[in-house]
Amino acid sequence: MGTTQAKLPTLLNRAEYRAWAETQTRGRVERVDGEIIAMSPERAGRARVKARAWQALDRALREARLP
């Protein structure tokens, strides 16, 4: 059995995209010039790099006593 998906307008503005994205339960997508583009799954290595970058930024902000 397939799932039915509501037809989306050709282009979505930011508010329309956010409302639509909140209803999605799986998959990664982004909005580029109003168009929804599917993204590939995130790999573990990329997630680790992002976590390290976030930790470095967080540490720098705390050391600089910035909010």
PDB file of N, CA and C in Angstrom:
ATOM      1  N   MET A   1       0.823  -1.181   0.000  1.00  0.00           N
ATOM      2  CA  MET A   1       0.000   0.000   0.000  1.00  0.00           C
ATOM      3  C   MET A   1       0.867   1.244   0.000  1.00  0.00           C
ATOM      4  N   GLY A   2       0.584   2.166  -0.879  1.00  0.00           N
ATOM      5  CA  GLY A   2       1.327   3.412  -0.907  1.00  0.00           C
ATOM      6  C   GLY A   2       0.677   4.448  -0.015  1.00  0.00           C
ATOM      7  N   THR A   3       1.439   5.464   0.286  1.00  0.00           N
ATOM      8  CA  THR A   3       0.886   6.549   1.082  1.00  0.00           C
ATOM      9  C   THR A   3       0.529   7.683   0.145  1.00  0.00           C
ATOM     10  N   THR A   4      -0.506   8.410   0.480  1.00  0.00           N
ATOM     11  CA  THR A   4      -0.877   9.563  -0.330  1.00  0.00           C
ATOM     12  C   THR A   4      -0.267  10.800   0.292  1.00  0.00           C
ATOM     13  N   GLN A   5       0.154  11.676  -0.559  1.00  0.00           N
ATOM     14  CA  GLN A   5       0.779  12.898  -0.098  1.00  0.00           C
ATOM     15  C   GLN A   5       0.055  14.070  -0.740  1.00  0.00           C
ATOM     16  N   ALA A   6      -0.219  15.086   0.041  1.00  0.00           N
ATOM     17  CA  ALA A   6      -0.898  16.260  -0.489  1.00  0.00           C
ATOM     18  C   ALA A   6      -0.010  16.932  -1.525  1.00  0.00           C
ATOM     19  N   LYS A   7      -0.610  17.381  -2.606  1.00  0.00           N
ATOM     20  CA  LYS A   7       0.148  18.072  -3.641  1.00  0.00           C
ATOM     21  C   LYS A   7       0.556  19.441  -3.110  1.00  0.00           C
ATOM     22  N   LEU A   8       1.817  19.750  -3.290  1.00  0.00           N
ATOM     23  CA  LEU A   8       2.354  21.021  -2.819  1.00  0.00           C
ATOM     24  C   LEU A   8       2.269  22.068  -3.922  1.00  0.00           C
ATOM     25  N   PRO A   9       2.149  23.338  -3.519  1.00  0.00           N
ATOM     26  CA  PRO A   9       2.222  24.390  -4.532  1.00  0.00           C
ATOM     27  C   PRO A   9       3.587  24.322  -5.216  1.00  0.00           C
ATOM     28  N   THR A  10       3.701  24.923  -6.368  1.00  0.00           N
ATOM     29  CA  THR A  10       4.966  24.886  -7.105  1.00  0.00           C
ATOM     30  C   THR A  10       6.105  25.432  -6.259  1.00  0.00           C
ATOM     31  N   LEU A  11       5.908  26.574  -5.639  1.00  0.00           N
ATOM     32  CA  LEU A  11       6.930  27.184  -4.791  1.00  0.00           C
ATOM     33  C   LEU A  11       6.322  27.510  -3.435  1.00  0.00           C
ATOM     34  N   LEU A  12       7.095  27.322  -2.382  1.00  0.00           N
ATOM     35  CA  LEU A  12       6.626  27.613  -1.030  1.00  0.00           C
ATOM     36  C   LEU A  12       7.401  28.790  -0.454  1.00  0.00           C
ATOM     37  N   ASN A  13       6.697  29.687   0.238  1.00  0.00           N
ATOM     38  CA  ASN A  13       7.412  30.729   0.962  1.00  0.00           C
ATOM     39  C   ASN A  13       7.884  30.128   2.295  1.00  0.00           C
ATOM     40  N   ARG A  14       8.600  30.896   3.083  1.00  0.00           N
ATOM     41  CA  ARG A  14       9.164  30.369   4.330  1.00  0.00           C
ATOM     42  C   ARG A  14       8.096  29.824   5.273  1.00  0.00           C
ATOM     43  N   ALA A  15       7.031  30.576   5.473  1.00  0.00           N
ATOM     44  CA  ALA A  15       5.972  30.141   6.395  1.00  0.00           C
ATOM     45  C   ALA A  15       5.291  28.870   5.898  1.00  0.00           C
ATOM     46  N   GLU A  16       5.018  28.795   4.606  1.00  0.00           N
ATOM     47  CA  GLU A  16       4.395  27.595   4.041  1.00  0.00           C
ATOM     48  C   GLU A  16       5.314  26.381   4.190  1.00  0.00           C
ATOM     49  N   TYR A  17       6.611  26.588   3.923  1.00  0.00           N
ATOM     50  CA  TYR A  17       7.572  25.485   4.053  1.00  0.00           C
ATOM     51  C   TYR A  17       7.638  24.990   5.495  1.00  0.00           C
ATOM     52  N   ARG A  18       7.744  25.908   6.447  1.00  0.00           N
ATOM     53  CA  ARG A  18       7.827  25.493   7.853  1.00  0.00           C
ATOM     54  C   ARG A  18       6.589  24.735   8.289  1.00  0.00           C
ATOM     55  N   ALA A  19       5.412  25.205   7.880  1.00  0.00           N
ATOM     56  CA  ALA A  19       4.168  24.505   8.228  1.00  0.00           C
ATOM     57  C   ALA A  19       4.168  23.112   7.614  1.00  0.00           C
ATOM     58  N   TRP A  20       4.580  23.001   6.371  1.00  0.00           N
ATOM     59  CA  TRP A  20       4.626  21.701   5.698  1.00  0.00           C
ATOM     60  C   TRP A  20       5.662  20.796   6.360  1.00  0.00           C
ATOM     61  N   ALA A  21       6.856  21.323   6.641  1.00  0.00           N
ATOM     62  CA  ALA A  21       7.942  20.523   7.204  1.00  0.00           C
ATOM     63  C   ALA A  21       7.569  19.937   8.565  1.00  0.00           C
ATOM     64  N   GLU A  22       6.797  20.660   9.342  1.00  0.00           N
ATOM     65  CA  GLU A  22       6.381  20.158  10.655  1.00  0.00           C
ATOM     66  C   GLU A  22       5.481  18.937  10.551  1.00  0.00           C
ATOM     67  N   THR A  23       4.854  18.734   9.411  1.00  0.00           N
ATOM     68  CA  THR A  23       3.971  17.580   9.237  1.00  0.00           C
ATOM     69  C   THR A  23       4.705  16.351   8.711  1.00  0.00           C
ATOM     70  N   GLN A  24       5.974  16.509   8.334  1.00  0.00           N
ATOM     71  CA  GLN A  24       6.732  15.403   7.757  1.00  0.00           C
ATOM     72  C   GLN A  24       7.370  14.571   8.865  1.00  0.00           C
ATOM     73  N   THR A  25       7.260  13.269   8.744  1.00  0.00           N
ATOM     74  CA  THR A  25       7.778  12.390   9.792  1.00  0.00           C
ATOM     75  C   THR A  25       9.108  11.755   9.432  1.00  0.00           C
ATOM     76  N   ARG A  26       9.518  11.836   8.182  1.00  0.00           N
ATOM     77  CA  ARG A  26      10.792  11.228   7.815  1.00  0.00           C
ATOM     78  C   ARG A  26      11.379  11.915   6.599  1.00  0.00           C
ATOM     79  N   GLY A  27      12.660  11.666   6.405  1.00  0.00           N
ATOM     80  CA  GLY A  27      13.351  12.252   5.266  1.00  0.00           C
ATOM     81  C   GLY A  27      13.916  13.622   5.601  1.00  0.00           C
ATOM     82  N   ARG A  28      14.913  14.010   4.854  1.00  0.00           N
ATOM     83  CA  ARG A  28      15.533  15.318   5.026  1.00  0.00           C
ATOM     84  C   ARG A  28      15.301  16.113   3.760  1.00  0.00           C
ATOM     85  N   VAL A  29      14.814  17.317   3.917  1.00  0.00           N
ATOM     86  CA  VAL A  29      14.564  18.193   2.771  1.00  0.00           C
ATOM     87  C   VAL A  29      15.006  19.605   3.133  1.00  0.00           C
ATOM     88  N   GLU A  30      15.187  20.407   2.112  1.00  0.00           N
ATOM     89  CA  GLU A  30      15.465  21.822   2.307  1.00  0.00           C
ATOM     90  C   GLU A  30      14.701  22.600   1.249  1.00  0.00           C
ATOM     91  N   ARG A  31      14.563  23.896   1.471  1.00  0.00           N
ATOM     92  CA  ARG A  31      13.868  24.768   0.528  1.00  0.00           C
ATOM     93  C   ARG A  31      14.906  25.626  -0.167  1.00  0.00           C
ATOM     94  N   VAL A  32      14.943  25.538  -1.485  1.00  0.00           N
ATOM     95  CA  VAL A  32      15.863  26.325  -2.289  1.00  0.00           C
ATOM     96  C   VAL A  32      15.036  27.129  -3.284  1.00  0.00           C
ATOM     97  N   ASP A  33      15.068  28.434  -3.141  1.00  0.00           N
ATOM     98  CA  ASP A  33      14.278  29.320  -4.006  1.00  0.00           C
ATOM     99  C   ASP A  33      12.816  28.889  -4.055  1.00  0.00           C
ATOM    100  N   GLY A  34      12.288  28.459  -2.901  1.00  0.00           N
ATOM    101  CA  GLY A  34      10.892  28.084  -2.801  1.00  0.00           C
ATOM    102  C   GLY A  34      10.587  26.644  -3.166  1.00  0.00           C
ATOM    103  N   GLU A  35      11.549  25.937  -3.733  1.00  0.00           N
ATOM    104  CA  GLU A  35      11.342  24.556  -4.161  1.00  0.00           C
ATOM    105  C   GLU A  35      11.859  23.594  -3.090  1.00  0.00           C
ATOM    106  N   ILE A  36      11.129  22.526  -2.848  1.00  0.00           N
ATOM    107  CA  ILE A  36      11.551  21.524  -1.871  1.00  0.00           C
ATOM    108  C   ILE A  36      12.501  20.551  -2.549  1.00  0.00           C
ATOM    109  N   ILE A  37      13.688  20.395  -1.956  1.00  0.00           N
ATOM    110  CA  ILE A  37      14.732  19.537  -2.492  1.00  0.00           C
ATOM    111  C   ILE A  37      15.033  18.453  -1.467  1.00  0.00           C
ATOM    112  N   ALA A  38      15.037  17.188  -1.899  1.00  0.00           N
ATOM    113  CA  ALA A  38      15.382  16.080  -1.010  1.00  0.00           C
ATOM    114  C   ALA A  38      16.888  16.088  -0.746  1.00  0.00           C
ATOM    115  N   MET A  39      17.256  15.790   0.487  1.00  0.00           N
ATOM    116  CA  MET A  39      18.664  15.717   0.875  1.00  0.00           C
ATOM    117  C   MET A  39      19.009  14.264   1.208  1.00  0.00           C
ATOM    118  N   SER A  40      20.259  13.912   1.018  1.00  0.00           N
ATOM    119  CA  SER A  40      20.679  12.557   1.368  1.00  0.00           C
ATOM    120  C   SER A  40      20.762  12.432   2.888  1.00  0.00           C
ATOM    121  N   PRO A  41      20.687  11.225   3.406  1.00  0.00           N
ATOM    122  CA  PRO A  41      20.785  11.027   4.859  1.00  0.00           C
ATOM    123  C   PRO A  41      22.140  11.498   5.387  1.00  0.00           C
ATOM    124  N   GLU A  42      22.133  11.984   6.610  1.00  0.00           N
ATOM    125  CA  GLU A  42      23.377  12.429   7.226  1.00  0.00           C
ATOM    126  C   GLU A  42      24.188  11.222   7.666  1.00  0.00           C
ATOM    127  N   ARG A  43      25.459  11.239   7.405  1.00  0.00           N
ATOM    128  CA  ARG A  43      26.365  10.160   7.784  1.00  0.00           C
ATOM    129  C   ARG A  43      26.968  10.447   9.154  1.00  0.00           C
ATOM    130  N   ALA A  44      27.406   9.406   9.835  1.00  0.00           N
ATOM    131  CA  ALA A  44      27.940   9.542  11.190  1.00  0.00           C
ATOM    132  C   ALA A  44      29.158  10.464  11.228  1.00  0.00           C
ATOM    133  N   GLY A  45      30.036  10.344  10.258  1.00  0.00           N
ATOM    134  CA  GLY A  45      31.229  11.189  10.232  1.00  0.00           C
ATOM    135  C   GLY A  45      30.895  12.661  10.127  1.00  0.00           C
ATOM    136  N   ARG A  46      29.932  12.984   9.299  1.00  0.00           N
ATOM    137  CA  ARG A  46      29.505  14.382   9.139  1.00  0.00           C
ATOM    138  C   ARG A  46      28.868  14.893  10.429  1.00  0.00           C
ATOM    139  N   ALA A  47      28.093  14.051  11.092  1.00  0.00           N
ATOM    140  CA  ALA A  47      27.468  14.445  12.356  1.00  0.00           C
ATOM    141  C   ALA A  47      28.537  14.738  13.409  1.00  0.00           C
ATOM    142  N   ARG A  48      29.598  13.940  13.440  1.00  0.00           N
ATOM    143  CA  ARG A  48      30.688  14.184  14.405  1.00  0.00           C
ATOM    144  C   ARG A  48      31.387  15.512  14.119  1.00  0.00           C
ATOM    145  N   VAL A  49      31.636  15.801  12.845  1.00  0.00           N
ATOM    146  CA  VAL A  49      32.289  17.067  12.481  1.00  0.00           C
ATOM    147  C   VAL A  49      31.420  18.246  12.902  1.00  0.00           C
ATOM    148  N   LYS A  50      30.112  18.153  12.663  1.00  0.00           N
ATOM    149  CA  LYS A  50      29.201  19.229  13.068  1.00  0.00           C
ATOM    150  C   LYS A  50      29.191  19.400  14.583  1.00  0.00           C
ATOM    151  N   ALA A  51      29.220  18.294  15.314  1.00  0.00           N
ATOM    152  CA  ALA A  51      29.221  18.372  16.778  1.00  0.00           C
ATOM    153  C   ALA A  51      30.495  19.044  17.275  1.00  0.00           C
ATOM    154  N   ARG A  52      31.633  18.698  16.687  1.00  0.00           N
ATOM    155  CA  ARG A  52      32.901  19.324  17.104  1.00  0.00           C
ATOM    156  C   ARG A  52      32.911  20.815  16.798  1.00  0.00           C
ATOM    157  N   ALA A  53      32.381  21.194  15.644  1.00  0.00           N
ATOM    158  CA  ALA A  53      32.322  22.616  15.297  1.00  0.00           C
ATOM    159  C   ALA A  53      31.430  23.365  16.283  1.00  0.00           C
ATOM    160  N   TRP A  54      30.277  22.779  16.622  1.00  0.00           N
ATOM    161  CA  TRP A  54      29.380  23.401  17.586  1.00  0.00           C
ATOM    162  C   TRP A  54      30.059  23.532  18.945  1.00  0.00           C
ATOM    163  N   GLN A  55      30.758  22.487  19.387  1.00  0.00           N
ATOM    164  CA  GLN A  55      31.444  22.533  20.682  1.00  0.00           C
ATOM    165  C   GLN A  55      32.518  23.614  20.690  1.00  0.00           C
ATOM    166  N   ALA A  56      33.273  23.748  19.605  1.00  0.00           N
ATOM    167  CA  ALA A  56      34.316  24.770  19.534  1.00  0.00           C
ATOM    168  C   ALA A  56      33.699  26.167  19.584  1.00  0.00           C
ATOM    169  N   LEU A  57      32.615  26.377  18.866  1.00  0.00           N
ATOM    170  CA  LEU A  57      31.938  27.673  18.887  1.00  0.00           C
ATOM    171  C   LEU A  57      31.374  27.964  20.271  1.00  0.00           C
ATOM    172  N   ASP A  58      30.753  26.983  20.885  1.00  0.00           N
ATOM    173  CA  ASP A  58      30.196  27.141  22.222  1.00  0.00           C
ATOM    174  C   ASP A  58      31.286  27.499  23.229  1.00  0.00           C
ATOM    175  N   ARG A  59      32.409  26.797  23.153  1.00  0.00           N
ATOM    176  CA  ARG A  59      33.528  27.065  24.068  1.00  0.00           C
ATOM    177  C   ARG A  59      34.066  28.482  23.869  1.00  0.00           C
ATOM    178  N   ALA A  60      34.216  28.911  22.612  1.00  0.00           N
ATOM    179  CA  ALA A  60      34.724  30.255  22.324  1.00  0.00           C
ATOM    180  C   ALA A  60      33.773  31.329  22.841  1.00  0.00           C
ATOM    181  N   LEU A  61      32.470  31.102  22.671  1.00  0.00           N
ATOM    182  CA  LEU A  61      31.500  32.077  23.176  1.00  0.00           C
ATOM    183  C   LEU A  61      31.538  32.164  24.698  1.00  0.00           C
ATOM    184  N   ARG A  62      31.662  31.008  25.368  1.00  0.00           N
ATOM    185  CA  ARG A  62      31.723  31.025  26.834  1.00  0.00           C
ATOM    186  C   ARG A  62      33.003  31.719  27.308  1.00  0.00           C
ATOM    187  N   GLU A  63      34.133  31.435  26.658  1.00  0.00           N
ATOM    188  CA  GLU A  63      35.392  32.065  27.056  1.00  0.00           C
ATOM    189  C   GLU A  63      35.366  33.577  26.833  1.00  0.00           C
ATOM    190  N   ALA A  64      34.656  34.023  25.798  1.00  0.00           N
ATOM    191  CA  ALA A  64      34.537  35.452  25.514  1.00  0.00           C
ATOM    192  C   ALA A  64      33.428  36.093  26.331  1.00  0.00           C
ATOM    193  N   ARG A  65      32.730  35.264  27.108  1.00  0.00           N
ATOM    194  CA  ARG A  65      31.590  35.708  27.938  1.00  0.00           C
ATOM    195  C   ARG A  65      30.510  36.392  27.118  1.00  0.00           C
ATOM    196  N   LEU A  66      30.214  35.774  25.973  1.00  0.00           N
ATOM    197  CA  LEU A  66      29.149  36.260  25.098  1.00  0.00           C
ATOM    198  C   LEU A  66      27.935  35.378  25.288  1.00  0.00           C
ATOM    199  N   PRO A  67      26.737  35.913  25.056  1.00  0.00           N
ATOM    200  CA  PRO A  67      25.520  35.106  25.240  1.00  0.00           C
ATOM    201  C   PRO A  67      25.409  33.971  24.239  1.00  0.00           C
TER     202      PRO A  67
END
